[in-house]
Amino acid sequence: MSGSLGDMGNLLAQAQKMQRAMEAAKEALENERVEGTTGGGAVRIQLTGSGAICSVAISPEAYGAGREGLEELVQLALKDAQTKADRLRDLRMKDVTGGLSLPGL
């Protein structure tokens, strides 16, 4: 019976260790940056690794695309940045979970 309690304690300790590692990975993502670009760099959007917008840069040449064209360039740059942030987050979480797919991460 005491073996079961020891196993349970070990499992709990491992879960706590993984939780601390996940929190550290999430915090690190806040400090990492990804950049999405479009139009040959005409629009650049920088996000944190967790997806918060840090900056938006639009070159003077991008204004020549007109309002609708500029809106599309911004949308495409944002999508590019979000894709990169998602990949970075998945990579960091995979490092923590050892490749386990855990819901909500």
C-alpha atoms as a PDB file:
ATOM      1  CA  MET A   1       0.000   0.000   0.000  1.00  0.00           C
ATOM      2  CA  SER A   2       2.800   2.427   0.830  1.00  0.00           C
ATOM      3  CA  GLY A   3       4.209   1.853  -2.662  1.00  0.00           C
ATOM      4  CA  SER A   4       1.028   3.304  -4.155  1.00  0.00           C
ATOM      5  CA  LEU A   5       1.332   6.411  -1.999  1.00  0.00           C
ATOM      6  CA  GLY A   6       4.953   6.814  -3.045  1.00  0.00           C
ATOM      7  CA  ASP A   7       4.000   6.466  -6.704  1.00  0.00           C
ATOM      8  CA  MET A   8       1.223   9.037  -6.245  1.00  0.00           C
ATOM      9  CA  GLY A   9       3.634  11.458  -4.552  1.00  0.00           C
ATOM     10  CA  ASN A  10       6.138  10.983  -7.362  1.00  0.00           C
ATOM     11  CA  LEU A  11       3.438  11.597  -9.969  1.00  0.00           C
ATOM     12  CA  LEU A  12       2.319  14.750  -8.157  1.00  0.00           C
ATOM     13  CA  ALA A  13       5.907  16.015  -7.979  1.00  0.00           C
ATOM     14  CA  GLN A  14       6.362  15.406 -11.714  1.00  0.00           C
ATOM     15  CA  ALA A  15       3.108  17.247 -12.484  1.00  0.00           C
ATOM     16  CA  GLN A  16       4.215  20.208 -10.362  1.00  0.00           C
ATOM     17  CA  LYS A  17       7.593  20.250 -12.084  1.00  0.00           C
ATOM     18  CA  MET A  18       5.897  20.243 -15.501  1.00  0.00           C
ATOM     19  CA  GLN A  19       3.558  23.045 -14.415  1.00  0.00           C
ATOM     20  CA  ARG A  20       6.523  25.186 -13.302  1.00  0.00           C
ATOM     21  CA  ALA A  21       8.268  24.482 -16.616  1.00  0.00           C
ATOM     22  CA  MET A  22       5.130  25.451 -18.546  1.00  0.00           C
ATOM     23  CA  GLU A  23       4.827  28.718 -16.615  1.00  0.00           C
ATOM     24  CA  ALA A  24       8.484  29.471 -17.341  1.00  0.00           C
ATOM     25  CA  ALA A  25       7.945  28.713 -21.043  1.00  0.00           C
ATOM     26  CA  LYS A  26       4.898  31.009 -21.163  1.00  0.00           C
ATOM     27  CA  GLU A  27       6.876  33.781 -19.487  1.00  0.00           C
ATOM     28  CA  ALA A  28       9.727  33.303 -21.962  1.00  0.00           C
ATOM     29  CA  LEU A  29       7.247  33.576 -24.845  1.00  0.00           C
ATOM     30  CA  GLU A  30       6.283  37.029 -23.565  1.00  0.00           C
ATOM     31  CA  ASN A  31       9.903  38.102 -24.099  1.00  0.00           C
ATOM     32  CA  GLU A  32      10.391  36.489 -27.509  1.00  0.00           C
ATOM     33  CA  ARG A  33       9.468  38.291 -30.718  1.00  0.00           C
ATOM     34  CA  VAL A  34       8.331  37.168 -34.148  1.00  0.00           C
ATOM     35  CA  GLU A  35       7.801  39.332 -37.200  1.00  0.00           C
ATOM     36  CA  GLY A  36       5.300  38.938 -39.988  1.00  0.00           C
ATOM     37  CA  THR A  37       5.900  40.717 -43.258  1.00  0.00           C
ATOM     38  CA  THR A  38       4.203  41.139 -46.573  1.00  0.00           C
ATOM     39  CA  GLY A  39       4.657  43.121 -49.748  1.00  0.00           C
ATOM     40  CA  GLY A  40       8.407  42.544 -49.722  1.00  0.00           C
ATOM     41  CA  GLY A  41       8.632  44.112 -46.271  1.00  0.00           C
ATOM     42  CA  ALA A  42       6.222  46.962 -47.029  1.00  0.00           C
ATOM     43  CA  VAL A  43       4.272  46.008 -43.905  1.00  0.00           C
ATOM     44  CA  ARG A  44       5.915  44.502 -40.815  1.00  0.00           C
ATOM     45  CA  ILE A  45       4.089  43.429 -37.673  1.00  0.00           C
ATOM     46  CA  GLN A  46       5.947  42.283 -34.598  1.00  0.00           C
ATOM     47  CA  LEU A  47       4.257  40.075 -31.977  1.00  0.00           C
ATOM     48  CA  THR A  48       5.392  38.506 -28.736  1.00  0.00           C
ATOM     49  CA  GLY A  49       5.702  34.737 -28.783  1.00  0.00           C
ATOM     50  CA  SER A  50       2.337  34.617 -27.041  1.00  0.00           C
ATOM     51  CA  GLY A  51       0.678  36.723 -29.765  1.00  0.00           C
ATOM     52  CA  ALA A  52       0.478  40.245 -28.318  1.00  0.00           C
ATOM     53  CA  ILE A  53       1.146  43.026 -30.832  1.00  0.00           C
ATOM     54  CA  CYS A  54       4.382  44.923 -30.191  1.00  0.00           C
ATOM     55  CA  SER A  55       4.661  47.080 -33.280  1.00  0.00           C
ATOM     56  CA  VAL A  56       3.343  47.781 -36.755  1.00  0.00           C
ATOM     57  CA  ALA A  57       5.527  49.376 -39.426  1.00  0.00           C
ATOM     58  CA  ILE A  58       4.213  50.492 -42.805  1.00  0.00           C
ATOM     59  CA  SER A  59       6.630  51.748 -45.447  1.00  0.00           C
ATOM     60  CA  PRO A  60       5.702  54.770 -47.551  1.00  0.00           C
ATOM     61  CA  GLU A  61       5.565  52.517 -50.631  1.00  0.00           C
ATOM     62  CA  ALA A  62       2.700  50.528 -49.084  1.00  0.00           C
ATOM     63  CA  TYR A  63       0.435  53.574 -49.226  1.00  0.00           C
ATOM     64  CA  GLY A  64       0.554  53.348 -53.013  1.00  0.00           C
ATOM     65  CA  ALA A  65      -1.574  50.194 -52.782  1.00  0.00           C
ATOM     66  CA  GLY A  66      -4.614  52.293 -51.814  1.00  0.00           C
ATOM     67  CA  ARG A  67      -6.788  51.812 -48.779  1.00  0.00           C
ATOM     68  CA  GLU A  68      -8.041  48.323 -49.651  1.00  0.00           C
ATOM     69  CA  GLY A  69      -4.606  47.168 -50.754  1.00  0.00           C
ATOM     70  CA  LEU A  70      -3.018  48.484 -47.573  1.00  0.00           C
ATOM     71  CA  GLU A  71      -5.675  46.805 -45.443  1.00  0.00           C
ATOM     72  CA  GLU A  72      -4.942  43.518 -47.202  1.00  0.00           C
ATOM     73  CA  LEU A  73      -1.189  43.934 -46.688  1.00  0.00           C
ATOM     74  CA  VAL A  74      -1.708  44.555 -42.964  1.00  0.00           C
ATOM     75  CA  GLN A  75      -3.993  41.539 -42.672  1.00  0.00           C
ATOM     76  CA  LEU A  76      -1.496  39.286 -44.464  1.00  0.00           C
ATOM     77  CA  ALA A  77       1.425  40.515 -42.333  1.00  0.00           C
ATOM     78  CA  LEU A  78      -0.603  39.894 -39.176  1.00  0.00           C
ATOM     79  CA  LYS A  79      -1.506  36.393 -40.331  1.00  0.00           C
ATOM     80  CA  ASP A  80       2.176  35.697 -41.068  1.00  0.00           C
ATOM     81  CA  ALA A  81       3.186  36.918 -37.599  1.00  0.00           C
ATOM     82  CA  GLN A  82       0.436  34.883 -35.918  1.00  0.00           C
ATOM     83  CA  THR A  83       1.536  31.738 -37.740  1.00  0.00           C
ATOM     84  CA  LYS A  84       5.109  32.288 -36.573  1.00  0.00           C
ATOM     85  CA  ALA A  85       3.977  32.960 -32.988  1.00  0.00           C
ATOM     86  CA  ASP A  86       1.872  29.779 -33.028  1.00  0.00           C
ATOM     87  CA  ARG A  87       4.839  27.726 -34.269  1.00  0.00           C
ATOM     88  CA  LEU A  88       7.108  29.210 -31.620  1.00  0.00           C
ATOM     89  CA  ARG A  89       4.561  28.540 -28.872  1.00  0.00           C
ATOM     90  CA  ASP A  90       4.073  24.952 -30.081  1.00  0.00           C
ATOM     91  CA  LEU A  91       7.837  24.419 -30.119  1.00  0.00           C
ATOM     92  CA  ARG A  92       8.299  25.805 -26.592  1.00  0.00           C
ATOM     93  CA  MET A  93       5.408  23.753 -25.209  1.00  0.00           C
ATOM     94  CA  LYS A  94       6.653  20.620 -26.986  1.00  0.00           C
ATOM     95  CA  ASP A  95       9.989  21.114 -25.214  1.00  0.00           C
ATOM     96  CA  VAL A  96       8.134  21.165 -21.875  1.00  0.00           C
ATOM     97  CA  THR A  97       5.662  18.334 -22.487  1.00  0.00           C
ATOM     98  CA  GLY A  98       8.042  16.059 -24.364  1.00  0.00           C
ATOM     99  CA  GLY A  99       5.666  16.041 -27.324  1.00  0.00           C
ATOM    100  CA  LEU A 100       2.542  15.115 -25.357  1.00  0.00           C
ATOM    101  CA  SER A 101      -0.550  16.820 -26.694  1.00  0.00           C
ATOM    102  CA  LEU A 102      -2.208  18.415 -23.667  1.00  0.00           C
ATOM    103  CA  PRO A 103      -5.556  20.182 -24.117  1.00  0.00           C
ATOM    104  CA  GLY A 104      -5.549  23.917 -23.566  1.00  0.00           C
ATOM    105  CA  LEU A 105      -1.871  24.505 -24.404  1.00  0.00           C
END
